[in-house]
Amino acid sequence: MTILKGTVKKGCGAAHQTIAVQREHLLKAFPDLSKFHVGTINVYLDDPLFITQFDVSTPPIKWHHSQDTDRFSFLRVGFQLDTPGFGTPVEAVIYHAAASPHHAAASPYRSDPRFIEIMTRKLDIPHDSRCSIHVTRPSDRVPAVVLH
């Protein structure tokens, strides 16, 4: 088990809109997404993260008429707020849009390997809350966390 520590950060609300449009395409490749809220939790990790293998990746998808195709990838994780009373980690995924120009423009963190987006059930989370991401796969800790 690898546990990644991070801080929840305020986003610009773009994921709620884009995932709503992408959703029908994403569900074809990954039906489990149906149990998650339409939107993401932005997490800024304490250590850079490099994922070499996702659990699910879509074929190229043209999800919007004004966009080129994009490929989406997901890694199953557990998400837990580091606050008393939150309980055990809840089922979640790391959501990764490989090349979306909208995504890059919408997020100041897009090219930062410490930034991830989490999809999970609807949660009421204050910004700047500390959290843990639980990953059940091998990893190496070098100057960054590398998940295999």
N, C-alpha and C. Protein backbone atom coordinates (compact mmCIF):
# COMPACT_ATOMS: atom_id res chain seq x y z
N MET A 1 0.86 -1.18 0.00
CA MET A 1 0.00 0.00 0.00
C MET A 1 0.89 1.23 0.00
N THR A 2 0.56 2.16 -0.85
CA THR A 2 1.24 3.45 -0.90
C THR A 2 0.25 4.50 -0.44
N ILE A 3 0.65 5.35 0.48
CA ILE A 3 -0.22 6.44 0.94
C ILE A 3 0.44 7.75 0.56
N LEU A 4 -0.28 8.52 -0.25
CA LEU A 4 0.17 9.83 -0.70
C LEU A 4 -0.52 10.89 0.14
N LYS A 5 0.22 11.87 0.60
CA LYS A 5 -0.34 12.96 1.40
C LYS A 5 -0.45 14.21 0.54
N GLY A 6 -1.50 14.99 0.77
CA GLY A 6 -1.70 16.21 0.00
C GLY A 6 -2.68 17.15 0.66
N THR A 7 -2.98 18.23 -0.07
CA THR A 7 -3.88 19.27 0.38
C THR A 7 -4.92 19.53 -0.69
N VAL A 8 -6.19 19.61 -0.29
CA VAL A 8 -7.28 19.92 -1.22
C VAL A 8 -7.18 21.39 -1.59
N LYS A 9 -7.23 21.67 -2.90
CA LYS A 9 -7.12 23.05 -3.40
C LYS A 9 -8.37 23.45 -4.16
N LYS A 10 -8.67 24.73 -4.10
CA LYS A 10 -9.82 25.27 -4.82
C LYS A 10 -9.53 25.22 -6.32
N GLY A 11 -10.51 24.79 -7.08
CA GLY A 11 -10.41 24.78 -8.53
C GLY A 11 -11.24 25.91 -9.11
N CYS A 12 -11.33 25.91 -10.42
CA CYS A 12 -12.11 26.97 -11.07
C CYS A 12 -13.49 26.48 -11.49
N GLY A 13 -13.83 25.22 -11.17
CA GLY A 13 -15.15 24.69 -11.48
C GLY A 13 -15.28 24.11 -12.88
N ALA A 14 -14.21 24.09 -13.65
CA ALA A 14 -14.27 23.61 -15.03
C ALA A 14 -14.58 22.12 -15.12
N ALA A 15 -14.04 21.32 -14.19
CA ALA A 15 -14.23 19.87 -14.27
C ALA A 15 -15.70 19.49 -14.18
N HIS A 16 -16.46 20.20 -13.38
CA HIS A 16 -17.89 19.91 -13.27
C HIS A 16 -18.56 20.02 -14.63
N GLN A 17 -18.19 21.04 -15.39
CA GLN A 17 -18.79 21.25 -16.71
C GLN A 17 -18.23 20.27 -17.75
N THR A 18 -16.91 20.09 -17.78
CA THR A 18 -16.33 19.24 -18.82
C THR A 18 -16.66 17.77 -18.60
N ILE A 19 -16.65 17.32 -17.36
CA ILE A 19 -16.96 15.91 -17.11
C ILE A 19 -18.41 15.62 -17.45
N ALA A 20 -19.29 16.57 -17.26
CA ALA A 20 -20.70 16.38 -17.64
C ALA A 20 -20.80 16.10 -19.14
N VAL A 21 -19.99 16.78 -19.94
CA VAL A 21 -20.00 16.57 -21.39
C VAL A 21 -19.27 15.27 -21.74
N GLN A 22 -18.19 14.96 -21.06
CA GLN A 22 -17.39 13.77 -21.34
C GLN A 22 -18.04 12.48 -20.84
N ARG A 23 -18.91 12.60 -19.88
CA ARG A 23 -19.41 11.46 -19.11
C ARG A 23 -19.91 10.29 -19.96
N GLU A 24 -20.74 10.55 -20.95
CA GLU A 24 -21.28 9.44 -21.75
C GLU A 24 -20.16 8.67 -22.45
N HIS A 25 -19.11 9.36 -22.89
CA HIS A 25 -17.97 8.71 -23.53
C HIS A 25 -17.14 7.92 -22.51
N LEU A 26 -16.94 8.53 -21.35
CA LEU A 26 -16.13 7.90 -20.31
C LEU A 26 -16.78 6.63 -19.77
N LEU A 27 -18.10 6.65 -19.63
CA LEU A 27 -18.82 5.49 -19.09
C LEU A 27 -18.71 4.27 -20.00
N LYS A 28 -18.54 4.49 -21.30
CA LYS A 28 -18.39 3.36 -22.23
C LYS A 28 -17.11 2.59 -21.92
N ALA A 29 -16.07 3.30 -21.57
CA ALA A 29 -14.78 2.66 -21.27
C ALA A 29 -14.67 2.24 -19.81
N PHE A 30 -15.36 2.95 -18.93
CA PHE A 30 -15.20 2.71 -17.49
C PHE A 30 -16.54 2.91 -16.78
N PRO A 31 -17.43 1.90 -16.86
CA PRO A 31 -18.78 2.02 -16.27
C PRO A 31 -18.78 2.35 -14.78
N ASP A 32 -17.73 1.99 -14.04
CA ASP A 32 -17.67 2.27 -12.60
C ASP A 32 -17.76 3.75 -12.28
N LEU A 33 -17.47 4.62 -13.25
CA LEU A 33 -17.55 6.06 -13.00
C LEU A 33 -18.96 6.52 -12.66
N SER A 34 -19.95 5.70 -12.99
CA SER A 34 -21.34 6.10 -12.74
C SER A 34 -21.63 6.33 -11.26
N LYS A 35 -20.83 5.76 -10.37
CA LYS A 35 -21.08 5.92 -8.93
C LYS A 35 -20.42 7.17 -8.35
N PHE A 36 -19.68 7.92 -9.19
CA PHE A 36 -18.97 9.09 -8.70
C PHE A 36 -19.66 10.39 -9.09
N HIS A 37 -19.43 11.40 -8.28
CA HIS A 37 -19.93 12.75 -8.52
C HIS A 37 -19.35 13.30 -9.83
N VAL A 38 -20.12 14.09 -10.53
CA VAL A 38 -19.66 14.72 -11.78
C VAL A 38 -18.86 15.96 -11.40
N GLY A 39 -17.57 15.78 -11.26
CA GLY A 39 -16.66 16.84 -10.86
C GLY A 39 -15.44 16.20 -10.24
N THR A 40 -14.45 17.01 -9.89
CA THR A 40 -13.23 16.48 -9.30
C THR A 40 -12.85 17.25 -8.05
N ILE A 41 -12.04 16.60 -7.24
CA ILE A 41 -11.41 17.23 -6.08
C ILE A 41 -9.96 17.47 -6.49
N ASN A 42 -9.52 18.70 -6.43
CA ASN A 42 -8.14 19.04 -6.77
C ASN A 42 -7.27 18.80 -5.56
N VAL A 43 -6.21 18.00 -5.73
CA VAL A 43 -5.30 17.70 -4.64
C VAL A 43 -3.88 18.06 -5.07
N TYR A 44 -3.21 18.81 -4.22
CA TYR A 44 -1.82 19.14 -4.43
C TYR A 44 -1.01 18.27 -3.49
N LEU A 45 -0.26 17.32 -4.06
CA LEU A 45 0.48 16.33 -3.28
C LEU A 45 1.75 16.91 -2.67
N ASP A 46 2.16 16.32 -1.55
CA ASP A 46 3.42 16.72 -0.92
C ASP A 46 4.63 16.34 -1.77
N ASP A 47 4.51 15.24 -2.52
CA ASP A 47 5.60 14.75 -3.37
C ASP A 47 5.11 14.62 -4.81
N PRO A 48 5.98 14.86 -5.78
CA PRO A 48 5.58 14.65 -7.19
C PRO A 48 5.16 13.20 -7.41
N LEU A 49 4.24 12.99 -8.33
CA LEU A 49 3.71 11.66 -8.62
C LEU A 49 3.83 11.38 -10.12
N PHE A 50 4.34 10.21 -10.45
CA PHE A 50 4.40 9.75 -11.83
C PHE A 50 3.75 8.38 -11.89
N ILE A 51 2.70 8.25 -12.68
CA ILE A 51 1.96 6.99 -12.81
C ILE A 51 2.37 6.35 -14.13
N THR A 52 2.97 5.17 -14.06
CA THR A 52 3.43 4.50 -15.28
C THR A 52 2.36 3.61 -15.89
N GLN A 53 1.35 3.23 -15.12
CA GLN A 53 0.29 2.35 -15.61
C GLN A 53 -1.02 2.69 -14.91
N PHE A 54 -2.03 3.10 -15.68
CA PHE A 54 -3.36 3.37 -15.14
C PHE A 54 -4.17 2.07 -15.17
N ASP A 55 -5.25 2.02 -14.41
CA ASP A 55 -6.14 0.87 -14.42
C ASP A 55 -6.97 0.83 -15.70
N VAL A 56 -7.43 1.99 -16.14
CA VAL A 56 -8.28 2.10 -17.33
C VAL A 56 -7.86 3.33 -18.12
N SER A 57 -7.74 3.16 -19.45
CA SER A 57 -7.52 4.30 -20.34
C SER A 57 -8.51 4.19 -21.49
N THR A 58 -9.05 5.31 -21.90
CA THR A 58 -10.01 5.32 -23.00
C THR A 58 -9.27 5.34 -24.33
N PRO A 59 -9.95 4.97 -25.40
CA PRO A 59 -9.39 5.27 -26.71
C PRO A 59 -9.49 6.79 -26.91
N PRO A 60 -8.90 7.34 -27.95
CA PRO A 60 -9.06 8.78 -28.20
C PRO A 60 -10.55 9.13 -28.34
N ILE A 61 -10.96 10.18 -27.64
CA ILE A 61 -12.37 10.59 -27.63
C ILE A 61 -12.47 12.03 -28.11
N LYS A 62 -13.38 12.27 -29.06
CA LYS A 62 -13.70 13.64 -29.44
C LYS A 62 -14.96 13.99 -28.66
N TRP A 63 -14.76 14.60 -27.50
CA TRP A 63 -15.87 14.81 -26.57
C TRP A 63 -16.53 16.18 -26.74
N HIS A 64 -15.94 17.06 -27.52
CA HIS A 64 -16.52 18.38 -27.74
C HIS A 64 -16.20 18.81 -29.16
N HIS A 65 -17.17 19.45 -29.82
CA HIS A 65 -16.99 19.80 -31.23
C HIS A 65 -15.81 20.74 -31.48
N SER A 66 -15.42 21.53 -30.49
CA SER A 66 -14.33 22.49 -30.69
C SER A 66 -12.97 21.94 -30.22
N GLN A 67 -12.93 20.69 -29.79
CA GLN A 67 -11.70 20.10 -29.26
C GLN A 67 -11.18 19.01 -30.19
N ASP A 68 -9.87 18.82 -30.16
CA ASP A 68 -9.30 17.62 -30.77
C ASP A 68 -9.64 16.45 -29.85
N THR A 69 -9.21 15.26 -30.23
CA THR A 69 -9.48 14.11 -29.37
C THR A 69 -8.60 14.17 -28.12
N ASP A 70 -9.03 13.49 -27.11
CA ASP A 70 -8.28 13.38 -25.87
C ASP A 70 -8.42 11.95 -25.36
N ARG A 71 -7.46 11.53 -24.60
CA ARG A 71 -7.48 10.20 -23.98
C ARG A 71 -7.55 10.41 -22.47
N PHE A 72 -8.41 9.67 -21.80
CA PHE A 72 -8.62 9.80 -20.37
C PHE A 72 -8.17 8.52 -19.68
N SER A 73 -7.54 8.68 -18.54
CA SER A 73 -7.05 7.52 -17.79
C SER A 73 -7.48 7.64 -16.33
N PHE A 74 -7.62 6.46 -15.71
CA PHE A 74 -8.12 6.41 -14.33
C PHE A 74 -7.31 5.39 -13.54
N LEU A 75 -7.02 5.75 -12.30
CA LEU A 75 -6.35 4.85 -11.37
C LEU A 75 -7.22 4.73 -10.12
N ARG A 76 -7.60 3.51 -9.77
CA ARG A 76 -8.42 3.30 -8.57
C ARG A 76 -7.60 3.59 -7.31
N VAL A 77 -8.20 4.37 -6.41
CA VAL A 77 -7.55 4.75 -5.16
C VAL A 77 -8.60 4.84 -4.06
N GLY A 78 -8.14 5.04 -2.85
CA GLY A 78 -9.02 5.40 -1.74
C GLY A 78 -8.72 6.85 -1.38
N PHE A 79 -9.75 7.62 -1.07
CA PHE A 79 -9.58 9.03 -0.70
C PHE A 79 -10.03 9.20 0.74
N GLN A 80 -9.22 9.89 1.53
CA GLN A 80 -9.54 10.08 2.94
C GLN A 80 -9.11 11.48 3.38
N LEU A 81 -10.04 12.17 4.02
CA LEU A 81 -9.67 13.44 4.65
C LEU A 81 -8.94 13.12 5.95
N ASP A 82 -7.90 13.89 6.23
CA ASP A 82 -7.14 13.68 7.46
C ASP A 82 -7.74 14.51 8.59
N THR A 83 -9.03 14.28 8.83
CA THR A 83 -9.74 14.99 9.89
C THR A 83 -10.41 13.96 10.78
N PRO A 84 -10.49 14.23 12.07
CA PRO A 84 -11.15 13.29 12.97
C PRO A 84 -12.59 13.03 12.54
N GLY A 85 -12.99 11.77 12.57
CA GLY A 85 -14.36 11.41 12.26
C GLY A 85 -14.63 11.13 10.79
N PHE A 86 -13.65 11.30 9.89
CA PHE A 86 -13.92 11.02 8.47
C PHE A 86 -14.12 9.54 8.23
N GLY A 87 -13.41 8.72 9.00
CA GLY A 87 -13.55 7.28 8.83
C GLY A 87 -12.56 6.72 7.84
N THR A 88 -12.92 5.58 7.26
CA THR A 88 -12.02 4.89 6.33
C THR A 88 -12.04 5.57 4.96
N PRO A 89 -11.03 5.29 4.14
CA PRO A 89 -11.00 5.88 2.80
C PRO A 89 -12.24 5.49 1.99
N VAL A 90 -12.71 6.42 1.17
CA VAL A 90 -13.84 6.14 0.28
C VAL A 90 -13.30 5.80 -1.10
N GLU A 91 -14.06 5.01 -1.83
CA GLU A 91 -13.68 4.61 -3.18
C GLU A 91 -13.55 5.84 -4.07
N ALA A 92 -12.49 5.87 -4.88
CA ALA A 92 -12.23 7.02 -5.73
C ALA A 92 -11.33 6.61 -6.89
N VAL A 93 -11.11 7.52 -7.81
CA VAL A 93 -10.12 7.34 -8.88
C VAL A 93 -9.36 8.63 -9.08
N ILE A 94 -8.11 8.49 -9.54
CA ILE A 94 -7.39 9.63 -10.07
C ILE A 94 -7.83 9.77 -11.51
N TYR A 95 -8.29 10.96 -11.88
CA TYR A 95 -8.77 11.27 -13.24
C TYR A 95 -7.66 12.03 -13.95
N HIS A 96 -7.30 11.56 -15.15
CA HIS A 96 -6.23 12.21 -15.89
C HIS A 96 -6.66 12.39 -17.35
N ALA A 97 -6.71 13.65 -17.78
CA ALA A 97 -6.97 13.97 -19.19
C ALA A 97 -5.61 14.23 -19.84
N ALA A 98 -5.24 13.40 -20.80
CA ALA A 98 -3.87 13.41 -21.31
C ALA A 98 -3.47 14.70 -22.01
N ALA A 99 -4.33 15.25 -22.85
CA ALA A 99 -3.84 16.35 -23.69
C ALA A 99 -4.85 17.48 -23.88
N SER A 100 -5.84 17.54 -23.06
CA SER A 100 -6.90 18.52 -23.28
C SER A 100 -6.38 19.95 -23.16
N PRO A 101 -6.45 20.73 -24.24
CA PRO A 101 -6.01 22.12 -24.15
C PRO A 101 -6.90 22.93 -23.20
N HIS A 102 -8.19 22.59 -23.13
CA HIS A 102 -9.08 23.29 -22.20
C HIS A 102 -8.60 23.06 -20.77
N HIS A 103 -8.25 21.82 -20.50
CA HIS A 103 -7.80 21.44 -19.17
C HIS A 103 -6.53 22.20 -18.79
N ALA A 104 -5.60 22.30 -19.74
CA ALA A 104 -4.34 22.99 -19.48
C ALA A 104 -4.57 24.47 -19.20
N ALA A 105 -5.47 25.07 -19.93
CA ALA A 105 -5.74 26.50 -19.74
C ALA A 105 -6.53 26.76 -18.46
N ALA A 106 -7.35 25.80 -18.06
CA ALA A 106 -8.23 26.00 -16.92
C ALA A 106 -7.52 25.82 -15.58
N SER A 107 -6.43 25.09 -15.57
CA SER A 107 -5.79 24.78 -14.30
C SER A 107 -4.34 25.27 -14.28
N PRO A 108 -4.01 26.06 -13.27
CA PRO A 108 -2.62 26.50 -13.15
C PRO A 108 -1.69 25.36 -12.73
N TYR A 109 -2.26 24.23 -12.31
CA TYR A 109 -1.47 23.10 -11.82
C TYR A 109 -1.24 22.03 -12.89
N ARG A 110 -1.85 22.17 -14.05
CA ARG A 110 -1.93 21.09 -15.04
C ARG A 110 -0.59 20.42 -15.32
N SER A 111 0.48 21.18 -15.43
CA SER A 111 1.77 20.58 -15.77
C SER A 111 2.61 20.24 -14.54
N ASP A 112 2.03 20.37 -13.36
CA ASP A 112 2.76 20.12 -12.12
C ASP A 112 2.55 18.66 -11.67
N PRO A 113 3.62 17.85 -11.54
CA PRO A 113 3.45 16.45 -11.15
C PRO A 113 2.98 16.26 -9.70
N ARG A 114 2.78 17.34 -8.97
CA ARG A 114 2.22 17.22 -7.61
C ARG A 114 0.70 17.37 -7.62
N PHE A 115 0.14 17.73 -8.77
CA PHE A 115 -1.29 17.99 -8.86
C PHE A 115 -2.03 16.78 -9.44
N ILE A 116 -3.09 16.34 -8.75
CA ILE A 116 -3.96 15.29 -9.27
C ILE A 116 -5.42 15.71 -9.09
N GLU A 117 -6.28 15.09 -9.86
CA GLU A 117 -7.71 15.28 -9.71
C GLU A 117 -8.33 13.96 -9.29
N ILE A 118 -9.19 14.03 -8.30
CA ILE A 118 -9.85 12.85 -7.73
C ILE A 118 -11.34 12.90 -8.06
N MET A 119 -11.87 11.77 -8.51
CA MET A 119 -13.31 11.61 -8.66
C MET A 119 -13.76 10.61 -7.59
N THR A 120 -14.82 10.97 -6.88
CA THR A 120 -15.38 10.11 -5.84
C THR A 120 -16.84 10.51 -5.64
N ARG A 121 -17.46 9.99 -4.63
CA ARG A 121 -18.84 10.40 -4.32
C ARG A 121 -18.85 11.87 -3.90
N LYS A 122 -20.00 12.46 -3.83
CA LYS A 122 -20.14 13.86 -3.43
C LYS A 122 -19.73 13.99 -1.96
N LEU A 123 -18.76 14.87 -1.71
CA LEU A 123 -18.26 15.12 -0.36
C LEU A 123 -18.22 16.63 -0.12
N ASP A 124 -18.45 17.04 1.09
CA ASP A 124 -18.33 18.44 1.47
C ASP A 124 -16.95 18.62 2.09
N ILE A 125 -16.04 19.22 1.32
CA ILE A 125 -14.64 19.30 1.75
C ILE A 125 -14.19 20.76 1.74
N PRO A 126 -13.77 21.26 2.89
CA PRO A 126 -13.22 22.62 2.90
C PRO A 126 -11.88 22.66 2.17
N HIS A 127 -11.64 23.75 1.43
CA HIS A 127 -10.36 23.92 0.76
C HIS A 127 -9.25 23.99 1.80
N ASP A 128 -8.07 23.58 1.39
CA ASP A 128 -6.88 23.51 2.23
C ASP A 128 -6.96 22.41 3.30
N SER A 129 -7.91 21.47 3.14
CA SER A 129 -7.96 20.30 4.03
C SER A 129 -6.84 19.35 3.65
N ARG A 130 -6.24 18.74 4.64
CA ARG A 130 -5.22 17.72 4.40
C ARG A 130 -5.93 16.40 4.07
N CYS A 131 -5.34 15.61 3.18
CA CYS A 131 -5.95 14.35 2.78
C CYS A 131 -4.89 13.31 2.49
N SER A 132 -5.35 12.06 2.38
CA SER A 132 -4.50 10.93 2.04
C SER A 132 -5.12 10.21 0.86
N ILE A 133 -4.26 9.79 -0.07
CA ILE A 133 -4.68 9.00 -1.22
C ILE A 133 -4.06 7.62 -1.02
N HIS A 134 -4.90 6.59 -0.93
CA HIS A 134 -4.45 5.22 -0.67
C HIS A 134 -4.42 4.46 -1.99
N VAL A 135 -3.25 3.94 -2.33
CA VAL A 135 -3.06 3.23 -3.59
C VAL A 135 -2.55 1.83 -3.29
N THR A 136 -3.24 0.82 -3.81
CA THR A 136 -2.84 -0.57 -3.57
C THR A 136 -2.07 -1.08 -4.78
N ARG A 137 -0.88 -0.55 -4.97
CA ARG A 137 0.01 -1.04 -6.01
C ARG A 137 1.43 -0.68 -5.65
N PRO A 138 2.39 -1.36 -6.26
CA PRO A 138 3.79 -1.11 -5.91
C PRO A 138 4.23 0.30 -6.29
N SER A 139 5.19 0.81 -5.54
CA SER A 139 5.73 2.13 -5.84
C SER A 139 7.20 2.19 -5.44
N ASP A 140 7.88 3.13 -6.03
CA ASP A 140 9.26 3.43 -5.66
C ASP A 140 9.29 4.87 -5.18
N ARG A 141 10.02 5.12 -4.12
CA ARG A 141 10.18 6.50 -3.67
C ARG A 141 11.60 6.92 -4.02
N VAL A 142 11.67 7.76 -5.02
CA VAL A 142 12.92 8.38 -5.42
C VAL A 142 12.70 9.86 -5.09
N PRO A 143 13.16 10.81 -5.87
CA PRO A 143 12.76 12.18 -5.56
C PRO A 143 11.26 12.39 -5.75
N ALA A 144 10.59 11.41 -6.33
CA ALA A 144 9.14 11.46 -6.53
C ALA A 144 8.57 10.08 -6.21
N VAL A 145 7.26 9.98 -6.16
CA VAL A 145 6.59 8.70 -6.00
C VAL A 145 6.27 8.19 -7.41
N VAL A 146 6.72 6.98 -7.72
CA VAL A 146 6.46 6.39 -9.03
C VAL A 146 5.58 5.16 -8.80
N LEU A 147 4.36 5.21 -9.31
CA LEU A 147 3.44 4.07 -9.18
C LEU A 147 3.53 3.21 -10.42
N HIS A 148 3.68 1.89 -10.22
CA HIS A 148 3.81 0.94 -11.34
C HIS A 148 2.50 0.22 -11.55
